[in-house]
N, C-alpha and C. Protein backbone atom coordinates (compact mmCIF):
# COMPACT_ATOMS: atom_id res chain seq x y z
N MET A 1 10.61 4.07 -16.40
CA MET A 1 9.29 4.52 -16.05
C MET A 1 9.14 4.54 -14.57
N LYS A 2 8.18 5.31 -14.12
CA LYS A 2 7.87 5.37 -12.61
C LYS A 2 6.40 5.08 -12.56
N TYR A 3 5.90 4.76 -11.36
CA TYR A 3 4.58 4.32 -11.12
C TYR A 3 3.92 5.03 -9.83
N PHE A 4 2.66 5.01 -9.76
CA PHE A 4 1.92 5.41 -8.53
C PHE A 4 0.51 4.71 -8.63
N PHE A 5 -0.02 4.75 -7.39
CA PHE A 5 -1.46 4.17 -7.28
C PHE A 5 -2.36 5.34 -7.03
N LEU A 6 -3.58 5.28 -7.61
CA LEU A 6 -4.50 6.41 -7.44
C LEU A 6 -5.87 5.87 -7.22
N SER A 7 -6.48 6.42 -6.29
CA SER A 7 -7.93 5.95 -5.89
C SER A 7 -8.90 6.30 -6.92
N ASP A 8 -9.96 5.46 -7.07
CA ASP A 8 -11.08 5.68 -7.93
C ASP A 8 -11.71 7.08 -7.55
N GLY A 9 -11.99 7.82 -8.57
CA GLY A 9 -12.59 9.09 -8.39
C GLY A 9 -11.68 10.33 -8.16
N TRP A 10 -10.33 10.00 -8.27
CA TRP A 10 -9.34 11.04 -8.21
C TRP A 10 -8.64 11.18 -9.51
N THR A 11 -8.18 12.36 -9.77
CA THR A 11 -7.46 12.69 -11.01
C THR A 11 -6.17 13.49 -10.82
N VAL A 12 -5.38 13.43 -11.83
CA VAL A 12 -4.03 14.17 -11.79
C VAL A 12 -4.23 15.59 -11.97
N GLY A 13 -3.58 16.47 -11.27
CA GLY A 13 -3.65 17.91 -11.49
C GLY A 13 -2.31 18.38 -12.00
N ARG A 14 -1.58 19.12 -11.31
CA ARG A 14 -0.28 19.64 -11.82
C ARG A 14 0.73 18.54 -11.78
N VAL A 15 1.74 18.75 -12.61
CA VAL A 15 2.86 17.81 -12.68
C VAL A 15 4.26 18.51 -12.60
N TRP A 16 5.07 17.96 -11.82
CA TRP A 16 6.45 18.66 -11.62
C TRP A 16 7.51 17.77 -12.33
N GLU A 17 8.49 18.58 -12.95
CA GLU A 17 9.60 17.87 -13.46
C GLU A 17 10.83 18.50 -12.77
N PHE A 18 12.05 18.26 -13.20
CA PHE A 18 13.14 18.69 -12.47
C PHE A 18 13.34 20.23 -12.31
N GLY A 19 12.89 20.93 -13.22
CA GLY A 19 13.00 22.44 -13.19
C GLY A 19 11.73 23.10 -12.61
N GLY A 20 10.82 22.42 -12.13
CA GLY A 20 9.58 23.01 -11.56
C GLY A 20 8.33 22.42 -12.21
N LEU A 21 7.29 23.19 -12.34
CA LEU A 21 6.09 22.65 -12.88
C LEU A 21 6.34 22.30 -14.47
N TRP A 22 5.62 21.22 -14.87
CA TRP A 22 5.71 20.81 -16.22
C TRP A 22 5.34 21.93 -17.18
N ASN A 23 6.15 22.17 -18.12
CA ASN A 23 5.87 23.34 -19.09
C ASN A 23 5.48 22.76 -20.44
N ILE A 24 4.22 22.85 -20.75
CA ILE A 24 3.69 22.26 -22.04
C ILE A 24 4.36 23.05 -23.25
N HIS A 25 4.56 24.26 -22.99
CA HIS A 25 5.05 25.10 -24.23
C HIS A 25 6.57 24.80 -24.50
N THR A 26 7.32 24.57 -23.44
CA THR A 26 8.71 24.22 -23.65
C THR A 26 8.80 22.76 -24.12
N ARG A 27 8.09 21.90 -23.61
CA ARG A 27 8.19 20.51 -23.94
C ARG A 27 7.40 20.18 -25.21
N ARG A 28 6.44 21.03 -25.54
CA ARG A 28 5.56 20.85 -26.65
C ARG A 28 4.71 19.63 -26.62
N ARG A 29 4.42 19.17 -25.37
CA ARG A 29 3.51 18.07 -25.21
C ARG A 29 3.18 17.85 -23.72
N GLN A 30 2.08 17.14 -23.52
CA GLN A 30 1.69 16.81 -22.16
C GLN A 30 2.67 15.68 -21.58
N PRO A 31 2.68 15.56 -20.27
CA PRO A 31 3.56 14.47 -19.74
C PRO A 31 2.81 13.17 -20.04
N GLU A 32 3.56 12.06 -20.17
CA GLU A 32 3.04 10.84 -20.42
C GLU A 32 2.63 10.22 -19.10
N ILE A 33 1.28 10.05 -18.88
CA ILE A 33 0.74 9.55 -17.83
C ILE A 33 -0.34 8.60 -18.23
N GLU A 34 -0.24 7.21 -17.93
CA GLU A 34 -1.17 6.26 -18.42
C GLU A 34 -1.64 5.39 -17.25
N ARG A 35 -2.99 5.15 -17.27
CA ARG A 35 -3.67 4.21 -16.26
C ARG A 35 -3.40 2.84 -16.91
N LEU A 36 -2.84 1.98 -16.10
CA LEU A 36 -2.67 0.62 -16.54
C LEU A 36 -3.90 -0.27 -16.20
N ASN A 37 -3.95 -1.47 -16.74
CA ASN A 37 -5.07 -2.36 -16.45
C ASN A 37 -4.94 -3.12 -15.21
N LEU A 38 -4.12 -2.67 -14.24
CA LEU A 38 -4.02 -3.31 -12.97
C LEU A 38 -4.35 -2.34 -11.84
N GLY A 39 -4.88 -2.89 -10.77
CA GLY A 39 -5.15 -2.12 -9.57
C GLY A 39 -5.07 -3.10 -8.37
N ILE A 40 -5.37 -2.47 -7.14
CA ILE A 40 -5.40 -3.24 -5.94
C ILE A 40 -6.50 -2.76 -5.13
N VAL A 41 -6.88 -3.58 -4.17
CA VAL A 41 -7.87 -3.11 -3.11
C VAL A 41 -7.10 -3.13 -1.77
N GLU A 42 -7.11 -1.99 -1.15
CA GLU A 42 -6.44 -1.78 0.14
C GLU A 42 -7.45 -1.11 1.06
N GLN A 43 -7.75 -1.86 2.16
CA GLN A 43 -8.73 -1.42 3.18
C GLN A 43 -10.00 -0.99 2.53
N GLY A 44 -10.50 -1.74 1.59
CA GLY A 44 -11.69 -1.62 0.83
C GLY A 44 -11.79 -0.53 -0.23
N GLU A 45 -10.65 0.08 -0.60
CA GLU A 45 -10.49 1.04 -1.52
C GLU A 45 -9.76 0.64 -2.75
N LYS A 46 -10.42 0.92 -3.91
CA LYS A 46 -9.79 0.59 -5.22
C LYS A 46 -8.61 1.62 -5.57
N LEU A 47 -7.48 1.07 -5.86
CA LEU A 47 -6.33 1.98 -6.23
C LEU A 47 -5.89 1.46 -7.61
N TRP A 48 -5.86 2.29 -8.56
CA TRP A 48 -5.41 1.89 -9.89
C TRP A 48 -3.99 2.29 -10.12
N LEU A 49 -3.20 1.42 -10.86
CA LEU A 49 -1.73 1.56 -11.15
C LEU A 49 -1.63 2.50 -12.37
N TYR A 50 -0.88 3.49 -12.11
CA TYR A 50 -0.54 4.41 -13.28
C TYR A 50 1.02 4.45 -13.56
N GLN A 51 1.33 4.65 -14.75
CA GLN A 51 2.68 4.73 -15.28
C GLN A 51 3.05 6.19 -15.72
N VAL A 52 4.16 6.70 -15.35
CA VAL A 52 4.54 7.97 -15.95
C VAL A 52 5.96 7.97 -16.38
N GLU A 53 6.37 8.88 -17.21
CA GLU A 53 7.65 8.94 -17.79
C GLU A 53 8.69 9.43 -16.71
N ASP A 54 9.91 9.05 -16.96
CA ASP A 54 10.94 9.33 -15.93
C ASP A 54 11.14 10.78 -15.66
N ALA A 55 10.84 11.69 -16.62
CA ALA A 55 11.05 13.09 -16.36
C ALA A 55 10.13 13.69 -15.24
N VAL A 56 9.00 12.99 -14.93
CA VAL A 56 8.08 13.43 -13.98
C VAL A 56 8.70 13.09 -12.56
N LEU A 57 8.73 14.17 -11.70
CA LEU A 57 9.18 13.96 -10.33
C LEU A 57 8.08 13.78 -9.24
N MET A 58 7.04 14.53 -9.45
CA MET A 58 5.87 14.52 -8.57
C MET A 58 4.56 15.01 -9.18
N LEU A 59 3.47 14.54 -8.60
CA LEU A 59 2.16 14.78 -9.18
C LEU A 59 1.24 15.33 -8.00
N GLU A 60 0.40 16.22 -8.45
CA GLU A 60 -0.68 16.65 -7.60
C GLU A 60 -1.94 15.87 -7.94
N VAL A 61 -2.56 15.24 -6.99
CA VAL A 61 -3.85 14.52 -7.29
C VAL A 61 -4.93 15.11 -6.43
N LYS A 62 -6.11 15.08 -6.97
CA LYS A 62 -7.36 15.64 -6.31
C LYS A 62 -8.59 14.95 -6.70
N PRO A 63 -9.60 15.04 -5.89
CA PRO A 63 -10.90 14.34 -6.30
C PRO A 63 -11.40 15.01 -7.63
N ASN A 64 -11.96 14.13 -8.46
CA ASN A 64 -12.54 14.78 -9.74
C ASN A 64 -13.83 15.49 -9.37
N ALA A 65 -14.37 16.30 -10.29
CA ALA A 65 -15.57 17.18 -9.89
C ALA A 65 -16.62 16.36 -9.34
N GLU A 66 -16.86 15.12 -9.86
CA GLU A 66 -17.99 14.35 -9.44
C GLU A 66 -17.84 14.02 -8.02
N MET A 67 -16.66 13.62 -7.60
CA MET A 67 -16.35 13.23 -6.32
C MET A 67 -16.42 14.46 -5.31
N SER A 68 -15.91 15.59 -5.80
CA SER A 68 -16.02 16.80 -4.92
C SER A 68 -17.33 17.18 -4.63
N ASN A 69 -18.30 17.07 -5.58
CA ASN A 69 -19.68 17.47 -5.34
C ASN A 69 -20.52 16.48 -4.68
N SER A 70 -19.99 15.22 -4.45
CA SER A 70 -20.79 14.22 -3.76
C SER A 70 -20.59 14.23 -2.31
N GLY A 71 -19.60 14.99 -1.86
CA GLY A 71 -19.49 15.18 -0.37
C GLY A 71 -18.71 14.00 0.30
N THR A 72 -18.25 13.02 -0.57
CA THR A 72 -17.49 11.88 -0.10
C THR A 72 -16.03 12.21 0.22
N THR A 73 -15.51 13.31 -0.29
CA THR A 73 -14.16 13.76 -0.03
C THR A 73 -14.11 15.16 0.63
N ILE A 74 -13.05 15.40 1.29
CA ILE A 74 -12.92 16.75 1.84
C ILE A 74 -12.49 17.69 0.78
N GLY A 75 -12.00 17.23 -0.36
CA GLY A 75 -11.54 18.05 -1.46
C GLY A 75 -10.12 18.47 -1.35
N LYS A 76 -9.43 17.82 -0.56
CA LYS A 76 -7.92 18.25 -0.35
C LYS A 76 -7.08 17.65 -1.53
N VAL A 77 -5.96 18.36 -1.72
CA VAL A 77 -5.09 17.90 -2.78
C VAL A 77 -3.97 17.20 -2.12
N VAL A 78 -3.40 16.13 -2.73
CA VAL A 78 -2.38 15.42 -2.22
C VAL A 78 -1.26 15.26 -3.20
N LEU A 79 0.01 15.49 -2.77
CA LEU A 79 1.11 15.40 -3.78
C LEU A 79 1.67 13.94 -3.58
N LYS A 80 1.75 13.32 -4.71
CA LYS A 80 2.17 11.86 -4.78
C LYS A 80 3.58 11.77 -5.08
N ARG A 81 4.23 10.89 -4.32
CA ARG A 81 5.70 10.52 -4.72
C ARG A 81 5.47 9.33 -5.65
N LEU A 82 6.46 9.26 -6.55
CA LEU A 82 6.39 8.13 -7.50
C LEU A 82 7.22 6.97 -7.02
N ILE A 83 6.86 5.71 -7.43
CA ILE A 83 7.61 4.59 -7.02
C ILE A 83 8.14 3.88 -8.19
N SER A 84 9.20 2.95 -8.01
CA SER A 84 9.83 2.20 -8.98
C SER A 84 8.92 1.05 -9.41
N ALA A 85 9.35 0.40 -10.44
CA ALA A 85 8.55 -0.86 -10.91
C ALA A 85 8.67 -1.94 -9.73
N GLN A 86 9.88 -2.03 -9.19
CA GLN A 86 9.92 -3.03 -8.11
C GLN A 86 9.00 -2.79 -6.92
N GLN A 87 8.86 -1.57 -6.52
CA GLN A 87 7.97 -1.12 -5.46
C GLN A 87 6.60 -1.39 -5.83
N ALA A 88 6.15 -1.04 -7.07
CA ALA A 88 4.87 -1.37 -7.60
C ALA A 88 4.46 -2.86 -7.49
N ILE A 89 5.48 -3.68 -7.99
CA ILE A 89 5.27 -5.20 -7.83
C ILE A 89 5.14 -5.56 -6.37
N GLU A 90 5.89 -5.08 -5.52
CA GLU A 90 5.72 -5.40 -4.01
C GLU A 90 4.37 -5.06 -3.50
N HIS A 91 3.79 -3.88 -3.89
CA HIS A 91 2.46 -3.46 -3.46
C HIS A 91 1.39 -4.45 -4.10
N LEU A 92 1.54 -4.87 -5.32
CA LEU A 92 0.67 -5.74 -5.96
C LEU A 92 0.70 -7.11 -5.21
N ALA A 93 1.89 -7.55 -4.88
CA ALA A 93 2.11 -8.85 -4.18
C ALA A 93 1.43 -8.83 -2.85
N THR A 94 1.40 -7.79 -2.19
CA THR A 94 0.87 -7.78 -0.76
C THR A 94 -0.47 -7.20 -0.62
N ALA A 95 -1.23 -6.93 -1.82
CA ALA A 95 -2.55 -6.30 -1.73
C ALA A 95 -3.60 -7.41 -1.28
N GLU A 96 -4.70 -6.75 -0.70
CA GLU A 96 -5.82 -7.69 -0.32
C GLU A 96 -6.34 -8.41 -1.59
N ALA A 97 -6.43 -7.66 -2.69
CA ALA A 97 -7.01 -8.20 -3.97
C ALA A 97 -6.34 -7.41 -5.15
N ILE A 98 -6.29 -8.08 -6.27
CA ILE A 98 -5.77 -7.39 -7.36
C ILE A 98 -6.93 -7.27 -8.39
N LEU A 99 -6.98 -6.03 -8.95
CA LEU A 99 -8.01 -5.76 -9.86
C LEU A 99 -7.44 -5.72 -11.31
N ASN A 100 -8.20 -5.92 -12.27
CA ASN A 100 -7.93 -5.71 -13.64
C ASN A 100 -9.06 -4.93 -14.24
N GLN A 101 -8.72 -3.93 -15.13
CA GLN A 101 -9.69 -3.04 -15.69
C GLN A 101 -10.85 -3.71 -16.36
N VAL A 102 -10.46 -4.94 -17.06
CA VAL A 102 -11.46 -5.50 -17.83
C VAL A 102 -12.43 -6.29 -17.08
N GLY A 103 -12.03 -7.12 -16.14
CA GLY A 103 -12.89 -7.99 -15.31
C GLY A 103 -12.60 -7.82 -13.79
N GLU A 104 -12.79 -6.57 -13.38
CA GLU A 104 -12.46 -6.20 -12.00
C GLU A 104 -12.72 -7.41 -11.01
N LEU A 105 -11.65 -7.63 -10.19
CA LEU A 105 -11.67 -8.84 -9.27
C LEU A 105 -11.69 -10.10 -9.99
């Protein structure tokens, strides 16, 4: 599995695999992307930990419609590199605070 942190109010757009964009028709399914019950606070921003399957190479992330309309973001798209489990643990260990989805902070 691979991991990434994503800010509150942002969502996953397109997904890339080895051969290019994820093809739902070829694979006959969506890529496995799951938000875990862990997150961190960095510079006052909540970042949630997500897990993706190994076949995923890169993700496009963007503010969700609500965030885009609120004027709090510029609306730019960011391509996220994925990290290993070890790197995710290192980020959790050095975070200002650790969140959990059930009882935040």
